[in-house]
Amino acid sequence: MKGALLLNLGSPNSTEVPDVREYLEEFLMDERVLDIAEWKRKLLLKLIILPKRPIASAEAYSKVWTEEGSPLIVTSRAQQTLVQEGTKMPIFLGMRYGNPSTSDIVKEIKEAGVTELLIIPLYPHYAMSSYESAVVKAMEELREQAPDITTKLVQPYYNDPDYINALWESIKPQLEGTGAHLMMSFHGIPERHVKKSDPSHAHCLVTKNCCDTCHPAHHTCYRHQCYATAKALMAHANIDEKDVTISFQSRLLRDPWLAPYTDFEIERLAKEGVKNLKVICPAFISDCLETLEEIGMEGKEEFLEHGGEEFELIPCLNTHPLWIKWMLNKIENWES
């Protein structure tokens, strides 16, 4: 029997500080997220991050939490339901961190009698801290619990024409005809992650114009794929480059992260006279803390504080019909 697994990042079980602390510890102990020696990770978490950050994060989560729970989990379950309504194949949902855990879902998949599994990571771009980590965890659990299940993996779809069309159709009602400046804020990653993901270790962030120079490293280069999404969307929607700013958000610690930084760019645009700013976050399929609170609340406050007048966070794809159709097409093509 065939089945499909949707994979997303995850969320704390609640906005209570202990739950947030548990989630952050699992997240930051991942060697693909905080890629330093294990003893250093443990020391950093114990002495610097976990004593204070869970309190601030819990407060941030409380601002976006819904009656049904975490926005990311609620939306992901809605996606699962809508996809399930379009196919007879069982559809499963797993989170890399938190619940429903990848381990529990693989157990459920095995008990359901699935023998062939299509894995759909809900990440358009390849990054070792998101796409790679989620896939590796799923494959580890499958090898341990259900080694006889065969798998097929949906590759990063950052420039897939149907994905780009779905993305445009989801933002067009809020953007078209407004005269607003468009910001595409992608989730940031450390520069060292980009270099580590380059199999040649001699192209990404080393070669001049590395993202525009064709190279095998692009298959696993997050930065290249983000810019490819932006360029494909602008071409598809006929948006002029001068009306767009591309940036990266959510940096952590003091290491160099991909630039330009979203918060700096929001301030710059406001000070330079941009009055109407619309922001999309194409690295996320579902709205979450990083979109709703970091951009929709903090970003808006910063923009208005520095002279901007209108600010809108345009929702992620979430449950847009064309996104659901995109996933169903992947399933149908696999079945045939």
Protein backbone atom coordinates (compact mmCIF):
# COMPACT_ATOMS: atom_id res chain seq x y z
CA MET A 1 0.00 0.00 0.00
CA LYS A 2 1.18 3.48 -0.85
CA GLY A 3 1.13 6.45 1.53
CA ALA A 4 2.47 10.02 1.68
CA LEU A 5 4.20 11.84 4.51
CA LEU A 6 4.14 15.63 4.88
CA LEU A 7 7.12 16.90 6.87
CA ASN A 8 7.34 20.26 8.63
CA LEU A 9 9.52 21.88 11.28
CA GLY A 10 7.36 21.73 14.40
CA SER A 11 6.27 23.82 17.36
CA PRO A 12 6.14 23.72 21.16
CA ASN A 13 3.19 21.87 22.68
CA SER A 14 2.05 25.06 24.39
CA THR A 15 3.18 28.57 25.26
CA GLU A 16 4.22 27.49 28.74
CA VAL A 17 7.93 28.14 29.38
CA PRO A 18 8.79 24.46 30.15
CA ASP A 19 7.24 23.34 26.84
CA VAL A 20 9.04 26.06 24.92
CA ARG A 21 12.32 25.18 26.66
CA GLU A 22 11.90 21.50 25.74
CA TYR A 23 11.20 22.42 22.12
CA LEU A 24 14.16 24.80 21.86
CA GLU A 25 16.49 22.26 23.41
CA GLU A 26 15.48 19.60 20.88
CA PHE A 27 15.76 22.10 18.03
CA LEU A 28 19.12 23.58 19.01
CA MET A 29 20.69 20.24 19.93
CA ASP A 30 20.27 19.21 16.29
CA GLU A 31 23.79 19.08 14.83
CA ARG A 32 22.45 20.40 11.53
CA VAL A 33 21.03 23.50 13.20
CA LEU A 34 23.76 24.36 15.68
CA ASP A 35 26.66 22.70 13.90
CA ILE A 36 29.34 22.83 16.53
CA ALA A 37 30.87 20.13 18.72
CA GLU A 38 28.27 18.44 20.92
CA TRP A 39 29.95 19.51 24.15
CA LYS A 40 29.95 23.11 22.96
CA ARG A 41 26.26 22.89 22.02
CA LYS A 42 25.35 21.56 25.44
CA LEU A 43 27.42 24.21 27.18
CA LEU A 44 26.00 27.01 25.05
CA LEU A 45 22.44 25.87 25.67
CA LYS A 46 22.89 25.33 29.40
CA LEU A 47 24.76 28.54 30.18
CA ILE A 48 23.53 31.08 27.62
CA ILE A 49 20.44 30.13 25.62
CA LEU A 50 18.10 28.04 27.77
CA PRO A 51 18.22 30.16 30.96
CA LYS A 52 16.57 33.16 29.25
CA ARG A 53 15.48 32.51 25.66
CA PRO A 54 12.52 30.21 26.48
CA ILE A 55 10.91 33.02 28.49
CA ALA A 56 11.14 35.50 25.61
CA SER A 57 10.11 32.85 23.06
CA ALA A 58 7.11 31.81 25.17
CA GLU A 59 5.95 35.41 25.23
CA ALA A 60 6.34 35.64 21.45
CA TYR A 61 4.45 32.39 20.89
CA SER A 62 1.61 33.63 23.09
CA LYS A 63 1.07 36.53 20.68
CA VAL A 64 0.31 34.23 17.73
CA TRP A 65 -1.19 31.17 19.48
CA THR A 66 -4.73 30.31 18.44
CA GLU A 67 -7.59 28.64 20.30
CA GLU A 68 -6.74 25.47 18.36
CA GLY A 69 -3.03 25.72 19.19
CA SER A 70 0.16 26.53 17.30
CA PRO A 71 -0.53 28.24 13.94
CA LEU A 72 2.05 26.01 12.25
CA ILE A 73 0.49 22.80 13.56
CA VAL A 74 -3.09 23.95 12.93
CA THR A 75 -2.30 24.92 9.34
CA SER A 76 -0.26 21.77 8.68
CA ARG A 77 -3.14 19.60 9.89
CA ALA A 78 -5.53 21.54 7.67
CA GLN A 79 -3.20 20.88 4.72
CA GLN A 80 -3.12 17.19 5.61
CA THR A 81 -6.93 17.08 5.74
CA LEU A 82 -7.37 18.82 2.40
CA VAL A 83 -4.83 16.60 0.67
CA GLN A 84 -6.46 13.53 2.20
CA GLU A 85 -9.81 14.62 0.79
CA GLY A 86 -8.27 14.56 -2.69
CA THR A 87 -6.81 11.06 -2.62
CA LYS A 88 -7.54 7.56 -1.36
CA MET A 89 -3.91 7.18 -0.32
CA PRO A 90 -3.36 7.68 3.45
CA ILE A 91 -1.70 11.01 4.21
CA PHE A 92 0.47 11.39 7.30
CA LEU A 93 1.90 14.48 8.98
CA GLY A 94 5.14 14.56 10.96
CA MET A 95 7.22 17.26 12.64
CA ARG A 96 11.00 17.31 12.86
CA TYR A 97 10.77 18.69 16.40
CA GLY A 98 7.90 18.47 18.87
CA ASN A 99 4.65 16.69 18.07
CA PRO A 100 3.45 14.82 16.14
CA SER A 101 7.00 13.52 16.18
CA THR A 102 8.64 11.84 13.22
CA SER A 103 9.22 8.74 15.33
CA ASP A 104 5.54 8.42 16.28
CA ILE A 105 4.37 9.02 12.73
CA VAL A 106 6.70 6.38 11.29
CA LYS A 107 5.26 3.93 13.80
CA GLU A 108 1.78 4.92 12.62
CA ILE A 109 2.81 4.50 8.98
CA LYS A 110 4.13 1.02 9.67
CA GLU A 111 1.01 -0.02 11.59
CA ALA A 112 -1.18 1.24 8.74
CA GLY A 113 0.48 -1.31 6.42
CA VAL A 114 2.21 1.19 4.13
CA THR A 115 4.88 -0.43 1.97
CA GLU A 116 5.71 2.51 -0.34
CA LEU A 117 6.05 6.05 1.00
CA LEU A 118 6.22 9.41 -0.76
CA ILE A 119 7.95 12.01 1.42
CA ILE A 120 6.96 15.64 0.83
CA PRO A 121 9.08 18.08 2.88
CA LEU A 122 7.18 21.34 3.39
CA TYR A 123 10.34 23.30 2.61
CA PRO A 124 10.74 24.67 -0.95
CA HIS A 125 14.50 25.19 -0.53
CA TYR A 126 17.34 22.92 0.49
CA ALA A 127 19.04 23.80 3.78
CA MET A 128 20.89 21.49 6.12
CA SER A 129 18.97 22.95 9.08
CA SER A 130 15.50 22.34 7.59
CA TYR A 131 15.01 20.15 4.53
CA GLU A 132 18.07 17.99 5.13
CA SER A 133 17.51 17.59 8.86
CA ALA A 134 13.85 16.60 8.45
CA VAL A 135 14.59 14.11 5.70
CA VAL A 136 17.55 12.54 7.52
CA LYS A 137 15.45 12.12 10.67
CA ALA A 138 12.61 10.50 8.70
CA MET A 139 14.97 8.11 6.94
CA GLU A 140 16.66 7.17 10.23
CA GLU A 141 13.31 6.33 11.79
CA LEU A 142 12.21 4.37 8.74
CA ARG A 143 15.42 2.34 8.71
CA GLU A 144 15.04 1.58 12.41
CA GLN A 145 11.31 0.90 12.59
CA ALA A 146 10.27 -0.12 9.08
CA PRO A 147 13.28 -1.02 6.90
CA ASP A 148 11.11 -2.77 4.31
CA ILE A 149 9.22 0.40 3.35
CA THR A 150 10.48 1.84 0.07
CA THR A 151 10.57 5.62 -0.27
CA LYS A 152 10.49 8.38 -2.85
CA LEU A 153 11.54 11.90 -1.89
CA VAL A 154 10.17 15.11 -3.39
CA GLN A 155 13.17 17.27 -4.22
CA PRO A 156 13.33 21.00 -3.40
CA TYR A 157 10.79 22.77 -5.60
CA TYR A 158 12.01 26.36 -5.25
CA ASN A 159 11.68 27.07 -9.00
CA ASP A 160 8.97 24.58 -9.95
CA PRO A 161 6.64 26.50 -12.34
CA ASP A 162 3.47 25.25 -10.64
CA TYR A 163 4.83 26.16 -7.21
CA ILE A 164 5.78 29.63 -8.46
CA ASN A 165 2.32 30.06 -9.98
CA ALA A 166 0.66 28.98 -6.73
CA LEU A 167 2.87 31.43 -4.81
CA TRP A 168 1.95 34.29 -7.14
CA GLU A 169 -1.76 33.53 -7.12
CA SER A 170 -1.70 33.47 -3.32
CA ILE A 171 -0.14 36.95 -3.04
CA LYS A 172 -1.66 38.65 -6.10
CA PRO A 173 -4.90 39.81 -4.42
CA GLN A 174 -2.97 41.72 -1.74
CA LEU A 175 -0.22 43.06 -4.01
CA GLU A 176 -1.42 43.70 -7.55
CA GLY A 177 -2.38 47.31 -8.23
CA THR A 178 -1.36 48.60 -4.80
CA GLY A 179 1.85 50.31 -5.88
CA ALA A 180 3.51 48.82 -2.81
CA HIS A 181 7.15 47.85 -2.54
CA LEU A 182 7.53 44.09 -2.18
CA MET A 183 9.93 42.53 0.29
CA MET A 184 10.75 38.83 -0.02
CA SER A 185 12.06 37.83 3.39
CA PHE A 186 13.61 34.37 3.43
CA HIS A 187 14.61 32.58 6.60
CA GLY A 188 18.30 33.15 7.25
CA ILE A 189 21.02 30.57 7.81
CA PRO A 190 24.68 30.98 8.81
CA GLU A 191 27.07 31.51 5.91
CA ARG A 192 29.02 28.45 7.06
CA HIS A 193 25.94 26.29 6.33
CA VAL A 194 26.02 27.44 2.71
CA LYS A 195 29.70 26.58 2.46
CA LYS A 196 29.23 23.19 4.13
CA SER A 197 26.43 22.31 1.70
CA ASP A 198 28.72 22.99 -1.29
CA PRO A 199 30.11 19.56 -2.27
CA SER A 200 33.04 21.21 -4.05
CA HIS A 201 33.84 23.52 -1.10
CA ALA A 202 35.11 25.95 -3.70
CA HIS A 203 32.10 27.73 -5.19
CA CYS A 204 29.42 28.97 -2.77
CA LEU A 205 30.35 32.35 -1.25
CA VAL A 206 33.80 31.88 -2.77
CA THR A 207 33.32 32.44 -6.50
CA LYS A 208 32.21 35.89 -7.63
CA ASN A 209 28.48 35.92 -8.45
CA CYS A 210 28.34 32.32 -7.25
CA CYS A 211 24.53 32.14 -7.24
CA ASP A 212 24.36 33.27 -10.89
CA THR A 213 27.16 31.02 -12.14
CA CYS A 214 25.87 27.57 -13.04
CA HIS A 215 27.37 24.95 -10.73
CA PRO A 216 26.39 21.54 -9.29
CA ALA A 217 26.50 23.13 -5.83
CA HIS A 218 23.21 24.84 -6.61
CA HIS A 219 21.38 21.57 -5.99
CA THR A 220 22.08 22.02 -2.28
CA CYS A 221 22.67 25.78 -2.07
CA TYR A 222 20.01 27.53 -0.02
CA ARG A 223 21.11 31.03 -1.03
CA HIS A 224 21.02 30.23 -4.75
CA GLN A 225 17.62 28.61 -4.42
CA CYS A 226 16.15 31.59 -2.55
CA TYR A 227 17.32 33.98 -5.24
CA ALA A 228 16.05 31.58 -7.90
CA THR A 229 12.58 31.65 -6.30
CA ALA A 230 12.64 35.44 -6.21
CA LYS A 231 13.72 35.74 -9.84
CA ALA A 232 11.19 33.16 -11.01
CA LEU A 233 8.37 34.93 -9.16
CA MET A 234 9.34 38.33 -10.55
CA ALA A 235 9.51 36.94 -14.08
CA HIS A 236 6.21 35.07 -13.74
CA ALA A 237 4.37 38.09 -12.31
CA ASN A 238 6.20 40.69 -14.41
CA ILE A 239 7.43 42.54 -11.31
CA ASP A 240 10.29 45.01 -11.82
CA GLU A 241 13.42 44.38 -9.76
CA LYS A 242 13.41 47.97 -8.50
CA ASP A 243 10.11 47.27 -6.76
CA VAL A 244 11.51 44.30 -4.83
CA THR A 245 13.87 43.85 -1.88
CA ILE A 246 15.26 40.41 -1.04
CA SER A 247 16.41 39.79 2.52
CA PHE A 248 17.02 37.16 5.20
CA GLN A 249 15.53 37.03 8.69
CA SER A 250 15.82 35.22 12.05
CA ARG A 251 19.57 35.25 12.58
CA LEU A 252 20.91 33.75 15.82
CA LEU A 253 24.12 34.40 17.75
CA ARG A 254 26.94 36.51 16.31
CA ASP A 255 28.23 34.45 13.40
CA PRO A 256 27.84 35.89 9.87
CA TRP A 257 24.45 34.97 8.43
CA LEU A 258 23.10 35.47 4.95
CA ALA A 259 22.59 39.15 4.22
CA PRO A 260 21.01 41.60 3.77
CA TYR A 261 19.18 41.27 7.08
CA THR A 262 15.42 41.78 7.00
CA ASP A 263 15.22 44.06 10.05
CA PHE A 264 17.96 46.32 8.66
CA GLU A 265 16.25 46.44 5.27
CA ILE A 266 12.86 47.32 6.77
CA GLU A 267 14.43 50.26 8.57
CA ARG A 268 16.37 51.33 5.47
CA LEU A 269 13.32 51.25 3.20
CA ALA A 270 11.26 53.31 5.64
CA LYS A 271 14.03 55.90 6.03
CA GLU A 272 14.47 56.11 2.25
CA GLY A 273 10.84 57.04 1.78
CA VAL A 274 9.00 53.79 1.06
CA LYS A 275 5.51 54.36 2.48
CA ASN A 276 3.72 51.14 1.55
CA LEU A 277 5.50 47.82 2.16
CA LYS A 278 4.16 44.33 1.53
CA VAL A 279 6.18 41.38 2.82
CA ILE A 280 6.12 37.73 1.82
CA CYS A 281 8.12 34.88 3.38
CA PRO A 282 8.62 32.33 0.56
CA ALA A 283 10.85 29.99 2.59
CA PHE A 284 7.80 29.08 4.68
CA ILE A 285 4.83 27.09 3.39
CA SER A 286 2.81 27.74 6.55
CA ASP A 287 2.59 30.85 8.69
CA CYS A 288 4.37 30.47 12.02
CA LEU A 289 6.16 32.44 14.72
CA GLU A 290 8.79 33.71 12.28
CA THR A 291 6.20 35.15 9.91
CA LEU A 292 3.34 36.20 12.19
CA GLU A 293 5.31 37.66 15.10
CA GLU A 294 8.77 38.47 13.75
CA ILE A 295 7.55 40.05 10.51
CA GLY A 296 3.86 40.75 11.00
CA MET A 297 4.30 42.39 14.42
CA GLU A 298 7.94 43.35 15.02
CA GLY A 299 8.60 44.19 11.38
CA LYS A 300 5.48 46.33 11.13
CA GLU A 301 6.34 48.23 14.29
CA GLU A 302 9.85 48.92 13.01
CA PHE A 303 8.61 50.10 9.61
CA LEU A 304 6.05 52.50 11.07
CA GLU A 305 8.52 53.76 13.67
CA HIS A 306 10.98 54.86 10.96
CA GLY A 307 8.53 56.69 8.72
CA GLY A 308 6.60 54.03 6.84
CA GLU A 309 2.83 54.34 6.63
CA GLU A 310 1.36 51.03 5.42
CA PHE A 311 2.74 47.58 6.18
CA GLU A 312 1.21 44.20 5.42
CA LEU A 313 2.45 40.66 5.90
CA ILE A 314 0.97 38.64 3.05
CA PRO A 315 0.10 35.13 4.29
CA CYS A 316 2.10 32.07 3.26
CA LEU A 317 0.61 29.49 0.91
CA ASN A 318 -1.05 27.80 3.89
CA THR A 319 -4.18 26.06 2.50
CA HIS A 320 -4.39 27.91 -0.81
CA PRO A 321 -6.19 25.65 -3.34
CA LEU A 322 -3.28 25.77 -5.81
CA TRP A 323 -0.85 24.63 -3.13
CA ILE A 324 -3.09 21.73 -2.18
CA LYS A 325 -3.40 20.93 -5.88
CA TRP A 326 0.40 21.01 -6.20
CA MET A 327 0.78 18.35 -3.50
CA LEU A 328 -2.01 16.24 -4.98
CA ASN A 329 -0.33 16.41 -8.39
CA LYS A 330 2.88 15.07 -6.85
CA ILE A 331 0.91 12.20 -5.37
CA GLU A 332 -1.01 11.48 -8.56
CA ASN A 333 2.12 11.52 -10.71
CA TRP A 334 3.81 9.14 -8.29
CA GLU A 335 0.82 6.78 -8.30
CA SER A 336 0.78 6.63 -12.07
